[in-house]
Amino acid sequence: LDPQIILCDEPDSGLDPVRTAYLSQLLIDINAQIDCTILIVTNNINIARTVPDNMGMLFRKKLVMFGPREVLLTSDEPVVKQFL
């Protein structure tokens, strides 16, 4: 298979921290190998801090911020800071 997009909805649900770390690295490796877009829906800050190149923050059904991971991780936006 050669997917253009992979959708992961809470892929770490029910996983312990060790398996979550393994999953994060697996997603990074898959992205590097097949160069596809991976859309991850998560509330796990560890995945959000390590896996994506770009990320967005949804709050009350609205996209409040989107951009490079580093921009969101250093944002002064109150909703983003609360999640981090």
PDB file of N, CA and C in Angstrom:
ATOM      1  N   LEU A   1       0.829  -1.188   0.000  1.00  0.00           N
ATOM      2  CA  LEU A   1       0.000   0.000   0.000  1.00  0.00           C
ATOM      3  C   LEU A   1       0.871   1.248   0.000  1.00  0.00           C
ATOM      4  N   ASP A   2       0.342   2.285  -0.621  1.00  0.00           N
ATOM      5  CA  ASP A   2       1.056   3.559  -0.685  1.00  0.00           C
ATOM      6  C   ASP A   2       0.079   4.693  -0.363  1.00  0.00           C
ATOM      7  N   PRO A   3      -0.349   4.784   0.911  1.00  0.00           N
ATOM      8  CA  PRO A   3      -1.359   5.790   1.250  1.00  0.00           C
ATOM      9  C   PRO A   3      -0.803   7.207   1.188  1.00  0.00           C
ATOM     10  N   GLN A   4      -1.670   8.148   0.847  1.00  0.00           N
ATOM     11  CA  GLN A   4      -1.297   9.560   0.886  1.00  0.00           C
ATOM     12  C   GLN A   4      -1.598  10.154   2.254  1.00  0.00           C
ATOM     13  N   ILE A   5      -2.636   9.613   2.907  1.00  0.00           N
ATOM     14  CA  ILE A   5      -3.055  10.107   4.225  1.00  0.00           C
ATOM     15  C   ILE A   5      -3.333   8.914   5.137  1.00  0.00           C
ATOM     16  N   ILE A   6      -2.858   9.003   6.364  1.00  0.00           N
ATOM     17  CA  ILE A   6      -3.179   8.023   7.403  1.00  0.00           C
ATOM     18  C   ILE A   6      -3.856   8.791   8.532  1.00  0.00           C
ATOM     19  N   LEU A   7      -5.028   8.344   8.954  1.00  0.00           N
ATOM     20  CA  LEU A   7      -5.771   8.988  10.034  1.00  0.00           C
ATOM     21  C   LEU A   7      -5.683   8.124  11.284  1.00  0.00           C
ATOM     22  N   CYS A   8      -5.235   8.713  12.378  1.00  0.00           N
ATOM     23  CA  CYS A   8      -5.118   8.022  13.665  1.00  0.00           C
ATOM     24  C   CYS A   8      -5.965   8.773  14.686  1.00  0.00           C
ATOM     25  N   ASP A   9      -7.053   8.158  15.121  1.00  0.00           N
ATOM     26  CA  ASP A   9      -7.938   8.784  16.097  1.00  0.00           C
ATOM     27  C   ASP A   9      -7.650   8.186  17.474  1.00  0.00           C
ATOM     28  N   GLU A  10      -7.005   8.961  18.327  1.00  0.00           N
ATOM     29  CA  GLU A  10      -6.597   8.524  19.667  1.00  0.00           C
ATOM     30  C   GLU A  10      -5.855   7.189  19.598  1.00  0.00           C
ATOM     31  N   PRO A  11      -4.753   7.125  18.845  1.00  0.00           N
ATOM     32  CA  PRO A  11      -4.054   5.849  18.666  1.00  0.00           C
ATOM     33  C   PRO A  11      -3.450   5.285  19.949  1.00  0.00           C
ATOM     34  N   ASP A  12      -3.276   6.117  20.949  1.00  0.00           N
ATOM     35  CA  ASP A  12      -2.673   5.675  22.206  1.00  0.00           C
ATOM     36  C   ASP A  12      -3.698   5.297  23.264  1.00  0.00           C
ATOM     37  N   SER A  13      -4.962   5.311  22.903  1.00  0.00           N
ATOM     38  CA  SER A  13      -6.015   5.007  23.866  1.00  0.00           C
ATOM     39  C   SER A  13      -5.810   3.614  24.466  1.00  0.00           C
ATOM     40  N   GLY A  14      -5.688   3.560  25.774  1.00  0.00           N
ATOM     41  CA  GLY A  14      -5.529   2.291  26.468  1.00  0.00           C
ATOM     42  C   GLY A  14      -4.106   1.766  26.522  1.00  0.00           C
ATOM     43  N   LEU A  15      -3.155   2.513  25.974  1.00  0.00           N
ATOM     44  CA  LEU A  15      -1.767   2.052  25.981  1.00  0.00           C
ATOM     45  C   LEU A  15      -1.013   2.593  27.192  1.00  0.00           C
ATOM     46  N   ASP A  16      -0.079   1.802  27.677  1.00  0.00           N
ATOM     47  CA  ASP A  16       0.782   2.272  28.756  1.00  0.00           C
ATOM     48  C   ASP A  16       1.847   3.198  28.168  1.00  0.00           C
ATOM     49  N   PRO A  17       2.576   3.946  29.002  1.00  0.00           N
ATOM     50  CA  PRO A  17       3.567   4.908  28.495  1.00  0.00           C
ATOM     51  C   PRO A  17       4.652   4.297  27.604  1.00  0.00           C
ATOM     52  N   VAL A  18       5.064   3.075  27.888  1.00  0.00           N
ATOM     53  CA  VAL A  18       6.101   2.434  27.073  1.00  0.00           C
ATOM     54  C   VAL A  18       5.576   2.169  25.667  1.00  0.00           C
ATOM     55  N   ARG A  19       4.377   1.626  25.568  1.00  0.00           N
ATOM     56  CA  ARG A  19       3.796   1.343  24.251  1.00  0.00           C
ATOM     57  C   ARG A  19       3.437   2.641  23.521  1.00  0.00           C
ATOM     58  N   THR A  20       3.064   3.667  24.254  1.00  0.00           N
ATOM     59  CA  THR A  20       2.785   4.959  23.626  1.00  0.00           C
ATOM     60  C   THR A  20       4.054   5.537  23.016  1.00  0.00           C
ATOM     61  N   ALA A  21       5.168   5.424  23.712  1.00  0.00           N
ATOM     62  CA  ALA A  21       6.448   5.894  23.166  1.00  0.00           C
ATOM     63  C   ALA A  21       6.828   5.096  21.925  1.00  0.00           C
ATOM     64  N   TYR A  22       6.610   3.784  21.959  1.00  0.00           N
ATOM     65  CA  TYR A  22       6.882   2.937  20.795  1.00  0.00           C
ATOM     66  C   TYR A  22       5.998   3.359  19.625  1.00  0.00           C
ATOM     67  N   LEU A  23       4.718   3.598  19.893  1.00  0.00           N
ATOM     68  CA  LEU A  23       3.786   4.030  18.851  1.00  0.00           C
ATOM     69  C   LEU A  23       4.218   5.363  18.251  1.00  0.00           C
ATOM     70  N   SER A  24       4.641   6.296  19.077  1.00  0.00           N
ATOM     71  CA  SER A  24       5.105   7.597  18.585  1.00  0.00           C
ATOM     72  C   SER A  24       6.271   7.424  17.622  1.00  0.00           C
ATOM     73  N   GLN A  25       7.238   6.604  18.003  1.00  0.00           N
ATOM     74  CA  GLN A  25       8.389   6.369  17.129  1.00  0.00           C
ATOM     75  C   GLN A  25       7.975   5.646  15.855  1.00  0.00           C
ATOM     76  N   LEU A  26       7.038   4.729  15.961  1.00  0.00           N
ATOM     77  CA  LEU A  26       6.539   4.015  14.788  1.00  0.00           C
ATOM     78  C   LEU A  26       5.897   4.982  13.794  1.00  0.00           C
ATOM     79  N   LEU A  27       5.100   5.922  14.284  1.00  0.00           N
ATOM     80  CA  LEU A  27       4.470   6.914  13.406  1.00  0.00           C
ATOM     81  C   LEU A  27       5.518   7.800  12.732  1.00  0.00           C
ATOM     82  N   ILE A  28       6.532   8.190  13.465  1.00  0.00           N
ATOM     83  CA  ILE A  28       7.625   8.986  12.886  1.00  0.00           C
ATOM     84  C   ILE A  28       8.335   8.187  11.795  1.00  0.00           C
ATOM     85  N   ASP A  29       8.609   6.915  12.060  1.00  0.00           N
ATOM     86  CA  ASP A  29       9.294   6.059  11.086  1.00  0.00           C
ATOM     87  C   ASP A  29       8.448   5.828   9.837  1.00  0.00           C
ATOM     88  N   ILE A  30       7.160   5.576  10.020  1.00  0.00           N
ATOM     89  CA  ILE A  30       6.265   5.377   8.874  1.00  0.00           C
ATOM     90  C   ILE A  30       6.253   6.620   8.007  1.00  0.00           C
ATOM     91  N   ASN A  31       6.148   7.772   8.637  1.00  0.00           N
ATOM     92  CA  ASN A  31       6.123   9.027   7.881  1.00  0.00           C
ATOM     93  C   ASN A  31       7.401   9.210   7.078  1.00  0.00           C
ATOM     94  N   ALA A  32       8.528   8.867   7.647  1.00  0.00           N
ATOM     95  CA  ALA A  32       9.809   9.006   6.953  1.00  0.00           C
ATOM     96  C   ALA A  32       9.937   8.012   5.800  1.00  0.00           C
ATOM     97  N   GLN A  33       9.399   6.817   5.985  1.00  0.00           N
ATOM     98  CA  GLN A  33       9.540   5.774   4.971  1.00  0.00           C
ATOM     99  C   GLN A  33       8.638   5.983   3.766  1.00  0.00           C
ATOM    100  N   ILE A  34       7.386   6.382   4.002  1.00  0.00           N
ATOM    101  CA  ILE A  34       6.462   6.477   2.868  1.00  0.00           C
ATOM    102  C   ILE A  34       6.066   7.911   2.543  1.00  0.00           C
ATOM    103  N   ASP A  35       6.573   8.875   3.287  1.00  0.00           N
ATOM    104  CA  ASP A  35       6.339  10.289   3.009  1.00  0.00           C
ATOM    105  C   ASP A  35       4.870  10.590   2.746  1.00  0.00           C
ATOM    106  N   CYS A  36       4.057  10.348   3.761  1.00  0.00           N
ATOM    107  CA  CYS A  36       2.629  10.622   3.643  1.00  0.00           C
ATOM    108  C   CYS A  36       2.211  11.578   4.759  1.00  0.00           C
ATOM    109  N   THR A  37       1.006  12.077   4.646  1.00  0.00           N
ATOM    110  CA  THR A  37       0.434  12.909   5.700  1.00  0.00           C
ATOM    111  C   THR A  37      -0.183  11.996   6.745  1.00  0.00           C
ATOM    112  N   ILE A  38       0.142  12.228   8.003  1.00  0.00           N
ATOM    113  CA  ILE A  38      -0.471  11.479   9.097  1.00  0.00           C
ATOM    114  C   ILE A  38      -1.228  12.479   9.959  1.00  0.00           C
ATOM    115  N   LEU A  39      -2.529  12.293  10.050  1.00  0.00           N
ATOM    116  CA  LEU A  39      -3.380  13.152  10.876  1.00  0.00           C
ATOM    117  C   LEU A  39      -3.673  12.403  12.168  1.00  0.00           C
ATOM    118  N   ILE A  40      -3.229  12.970  13.280  1.00  0.00           N
ATOM    119  CA  ILE A  40      -3.388  12.323  14.580  1.00  0.00           C
ATOM    120  C   ILE A  40      -4.304  13.174  15.449  1.00  0.00           C
ATOM    121  N   VAL A  41      -5.369  12.569  15.926  1.00  0.00           N
ATOM    122  CA  VAL A  41      -6.245  13.217  16.897  1.00  0.00           C
ATOM    123  C   VAL A  41      -5.839  12.666  18.257  1.00  0.00           C
ATOM    124  N   THR A  42      -5.373  13.543  19.144  1.00  0.00           N
ATOM    125  CA  THR A  42      -4.907  13.073  20.448  1.00  0.00           C
ATOM    126  C   THR A  42      -5.087  14.145  21.515  1.00  0.00           C
ATOM    127  N   ASN A  43      -5.206  13.696  22.739  1.00  0.00           N
ATOM    128  CA  ASN A  43      -5.138  14.617  23.873  1.00  0.00           C
ATOM    129  C   ASN A  43      -3.916  14.285  24.725  1.00  0.00           C
ATOM    130  N   ASN A  44      -3.021  13.487  24.154  1.00  0.00           N
ATOM    131  CA  ASN A  44      -1.789  13.089  24.836  1.00  0.00           C
ATOM    132  C   ASN A  44      -0.688  14.086  24.486  1.00  0.00           C
ATOM    133  N   ILE A  45      -0.275  14.867  25.448  1.00  0.00           N
ATOM    134  CA  ILE A  45       0.713  15.919  25.204  1.00  0.00           C
ATOM    135  C   ILE A  45       2.058  15.346  24.766  1.00  0.00           C
ATOM    136  N   ASN A  46       2.404  14.146  25.217  1.00  0.00           N
ATOM    137  CA  ASN A  46       3.679  13.555  24.811  1.00  0.00           C
ATOM    138  C   ASN A  46       3.708  13.257  23.316  1.00  0.00           C
ATOM    139  N   ILE A  47       2.617  12.756  22.777  1.00  0.00           N
ATOM    140  CA  ILE A  47       2.541  12.529  21.330  1.00  0.00           C
ATOM    141  C   ILE A  47       2.570  13.870  20.608  1.00  0.00           C
ATOM    142  N   ALA A  48       1.819  14.837  21.110  1.00  0.00           N
ATOM    143  CA  ALA A  48       1.768  16.156  20.464  1.00  0.00           C
ATOM    144  C   ALA A  48       3.136  16.842  20.466  1.00  0.00           C
ATOM    145  N   ARG A  49       3.931  16.610  21.478  1.00  0.00           N
ATOM    146  CA  ARG A  49       5.254  17.250  21.567  1.00  0.00           C
ATOM    147  C   ARG A  49       6.312  16.578  20.694  1.00  0.00           C
ATOM    148  N   THR A  50       6.103  15.314  20.330  1.00  0.00           N
ATOM    149  CA  THR A  50       7.175  14.585  19.654  1.00  0.00           C
ATOM    150  C   THR A  50       6.903  14.194  18.211  1.00  0.00           C
ATOM    151  N   VAL A  51       5.673  13.902  17.850  1.00  0.00           N
ATOM    152  CA  VAL A  51       5.408  13.315  16.533  1.00  0.00           C
ATOM    153  C   VAL A  51       5.239  14.331  15.405  1.00  0.00           C
ATOM    154  N   PRO A  52       4.387  15.337  15.541  1.00  0.00           N
ATOM    155  CA  PRO A  52       4.058  16.149  14.359  1.00  0.00           C
ATOM    156  C   PRO A  52       5.105  17.203  14.000  1.00  0.00           C
ATOM    157  N   ASP A  53       5.164  17.504  12.710  1.00  0.00           N
ATOM    158  CA  ASP A  53       5.912  18.678  12.250  1.00  0.00           C
ATOM    159  C   ASP A  53       5.031  19.913  12.415  1.00  0.00           C
ATOM    160  N   ASN A  54       3.751  19.746  12.098  1.00  0.00           N
ATOM    161  CA  ASN A  54       2.751  20.805  12.241  1.00  0.00           C
ATOM    162  C   ASN A  54       1.627  20.282  13.106  1.00  0.00           C
ATOM    163  N   MET A  55       0.991  21.180  13.820  1.00  0.00           N
ATOM    164  CA  MET A  55      -0.119  20.765  14.663  1.00  0.00           C
ATOM    165  C   MET A  55      -1.157  21.867  14.765  1.00  0.00           C
ATOM    166  N   GLY A  56      -2.355  21.465  15.121  1.00  0.00           N
ATOM    167  CA  GLY A  56      -3.439  22.413  15.302  1.00  0.00           C
ATOM    168  C   GLY A  56      -4.099  22.175  16.643  1.00  0.00           C
ATOM    169  N   MET A  57      -4.750  23.205  17.144  1.00  0.00           N
ATOM    170  CA  MET A  57      -5.450  23.110  18.417  1.00  0.00           C
ATOM    171  C   MET A  57      -6.923  23.402  18.173  1.00  0.00           C
ATOM    172  N   LEU A  58      -7.768  22.428  18.503  1.00  0.00           N
ATOM    173  CA  LEU A  58      -9.210  22.615  18.414  1.00  0.00           C
ATOM    174  C   LEU A  58      -9.740  22.954  19.797  1.00  0.00           C
ATOM    175  N   PHE A  59     -10.662  23.918  19.847  1.00  0.00           N
ATOM    176  CA  PHE A  59     -11.303  24.280  21.108  1.00  0.00           C
ATOM    177  C   PHE A  59     -12.728  24.695  20.798  1.00  0.00           C
ATOM    178  N   ARG A  60     -13.664  24.006  21.412  1.00  0.00           N
ATOM    179  CA  ARG A  60     -15.087  24.282  21.186  1.00  0.00           C
ATOM    180  C   ARG A  60     -15.437  24.289  19.697  1.00  0.00           C
ATOM    181  N   LYS A  61     -15.001  23.248  19.016  1.00  0.00           N
ATOM    182  CA  LYS A  61     -15.300  23.009  17.601  1.00  0.00           C
ATOM    183  C   LYS A  61     -14.649  24.002  16.654  1.00  0.00           C
ATOM    184  N   LYS A  62     -13.663  24.748  17.128  1.00  0.00           N
ATOM    185  CA  LYS A  62     -12.985  25.727  16.276  1.00  0.00           C
ATOM    186  C   LYS A  62     -11.482  25.493  16.310  1.00  0.00           C
ATOM    187  N   LEU A  63     -10.860  25.690  15.156  1.00  0.00           N
ATOM    188  CA  LEU A  63      -9.410  25.616  15.067  1.00  0.00           C
ATOM    189  C   LEU A  63      -8.862  26.954  15.552  1.00  0.00           C
ATOM    190  N   VAL A  64      -8.290  26.966  16.754  1.00  0.00           N
ATOM    191  CA  VAL A  64      -7.821  28.224  17.339  1.00  0.00           C
ATOM    192  C   VAL A  64      -6.384  28.542  16.959  1.00  0.00           C
ATOM    193  N   MET A  65      -5.630  27.517  16.536  1.00  0.00           N
ATOM    194  CA  MET A  65      -4.251  27.760  16.138  1.00  0.00           C
ATOM    195  C   MET A  65      -3.765  26.590  15.305  1.00  0.00           C
ATOM    196  N   PHE A  66      -2.952  26.892  14.292  1.00  0.00           N
ATOM    197  CA  PHE A  66      -2.344  25.862  13.455  1.00  0.00           C
ATOM    198  C   PHE A  66      -0.991  26.367  12.990  1.00  0.00           C
ATOM    199  N   GLY A  67      -0.009  25.485  12.997  1.00  0.00           N
ATOM    200  CA  GLY A  67       1.305  25.873  12.510  1.00  0.00           C
ATOM    201  C   GLY A  67       2.369  24.882  12.918  1.00  0.00           C
ATOM    202  N   PRO A  68       3.625  25.264  12.749  1.00  0.00           N
ATOM    203  CA  PRO A  68       4.726  24.392  13.147  1.00  0.00           C
ATOM    204  C   PRO A  68       4.656  24.066  14.643  1.00  0.00           C
ATOM    205  N   ARG A  69       5.047  22.865  14.979  1.00  0.00           N
ATOM    206  CA  ARG A  69       4.988  22.397  16.370  1.00  0.00           C
ATOM    207  C   ARG A  69       5.644  23.384  17.328  1.00  0.00           C
ATOM    208  N   GLU A  70       6.816  23.908  16.968  1.00  0.00           N
ATOM    209  CA  GLU A  70       7.548  24.805  17.860  1.00  0.00           C
ATOM    210  C   GLU A  70       6.760  26.083  18.155  1.00  0.00           C
ATOM    211  N   VAL A  71       6.009  26.563  17.171  1.00  0.00           N
ATOM    212  CA  VAL A  71       5.213  27.777  17.363  1.00  0.00           C
ATOM    213  C   VAL A  71       4.107  27.523  18.380  1.00  0.00           C
ATOM    214  N   LEU A  72       3.422  26.395  18.255  1.00  0.00           N
ATOM    215  CA  LEU A  72       2.359  26.092  19.202  1.00  0.00           C
ATOM    216  C   LEU A  72       2.903  25.808  20.594  1.00  0.00           C
ATOM    217  N   LEU A  73       4.029  25.124  20.665  1.00  0.00           N
ATOM    218  CA  LEU A  73       4.587  24.778  21.975  1.00  0.00           C
ATOM    219  C   LEU A  73       5.097  25.991  22.740  1.00  0.00           C
ATOM    220  N   THR A  74       5.333  27.101  22.047  1.00  0.00           N
ATOM    221  CA  THR A  74       5.790  28.327  22.710  1.00  0.00           C
ATOM    222  C   THR A  74       4.741  29.435  22.640  1.00  0.00           C
ATOM    223  N   SER A  75       3.519  29.073  22.306  1.00  0.00           N
ATOM    224  CA  SER A  75       2.446  30.050  22.125  1.00  0.00           C
ATOM    225  C   SER A  75       2.012  30.691  23.444  1.00  0.00           C
ATOM    226  N   ASP A  76       1.583  31.941  23.350  1.00  0.00           N
ATOM    227  CA  ASP A  76       0.996  32.631  24.497  1.00  0.00           C
ATOM    228  C   ASP A  76      -0.527  32.538  24.492  1.00  0.00           C
ATOM    229  N   GLU A  77      -1.086  31.876  23.485  1.00  0.00           N
ATOM    230  CA  GLU A  77      -2.543  31.695  23.391  1.00  0.00           C
ATOM    231  C   GLU A  77      -3.022  30.919  24.623  1.00  0.00           C
ATOM    232  N   PRO A  78      -3.960  31.481  25.411  1.00  0.00           N
ATOM    233  CA  PRO A  78      -4.387  30.838  26.659  1.00  0.00           C
ATOM    234  C   PRO A  78      -4.884  29.399  26.493  1.00  0.00           C
ATOM    235  N   VAL A  79      -5.655  29.135  25.452  1.00  0.00           N
ATOM    236  CA  VAL A  79      -6.181  27.785  25.243  1.00  0.00           C
ATOM    237  C   VAL A  79      -5.046  26.801  24.980  1.00  0.00           C
ATOM    238  N   VAL A  80      -4.073  27.219  24.201  1.00  0.00           N
ATOM    239  CA  VAL A  80      -2.926  26.362  23.889  1.00  0.00           C
ATOM    240  C   VAL A  80      -2.087  26.140  25.144  1.00  0.00           C
ATOM    241  N   LYS A  81      -1.822  27.187  25.906  1.00  0.00           N
ATOM    242  CA  LYS A  81      -1.029  27.069  27.138  1.00  0.00           C
ATOM    243  C   LYS A  81      -1.698  26.133  28.144  1.00  0.00           C
ATOM    244  N   GLN A  82      -3.025  26.174  28.201  1.00  0.00           N
ATOM    245  CA  GLN A  82      -3.753  25.316  29.132  1.00  0.00           C
ATOM    246  C   GLN A  82      -3.535  23.842  28.784  1.00  0.00           C
ATOM    247  N   PHE A  83      -3.513  23.519  27.493  1.00  0.00           N
ATOM    248  CA  PHE A  83      -3.297  22.133  27.078  1.00  0.00           C
ATOM    249  C   PHE A  83      -1.877  21.684  27.389  1.00  0.00           C
ATOM    250  N   LEU A  84      -0.928  22.586  27.207  1.00  0.00           N
ATOM    251  CA  LEU A  84       0.477  22.230  27.393  1.00  0.00           C
ATOM    252  C   LEU A  84       0.838  22.182  28.858  1.00  0.00           C
TER     253      LEU A  84
END
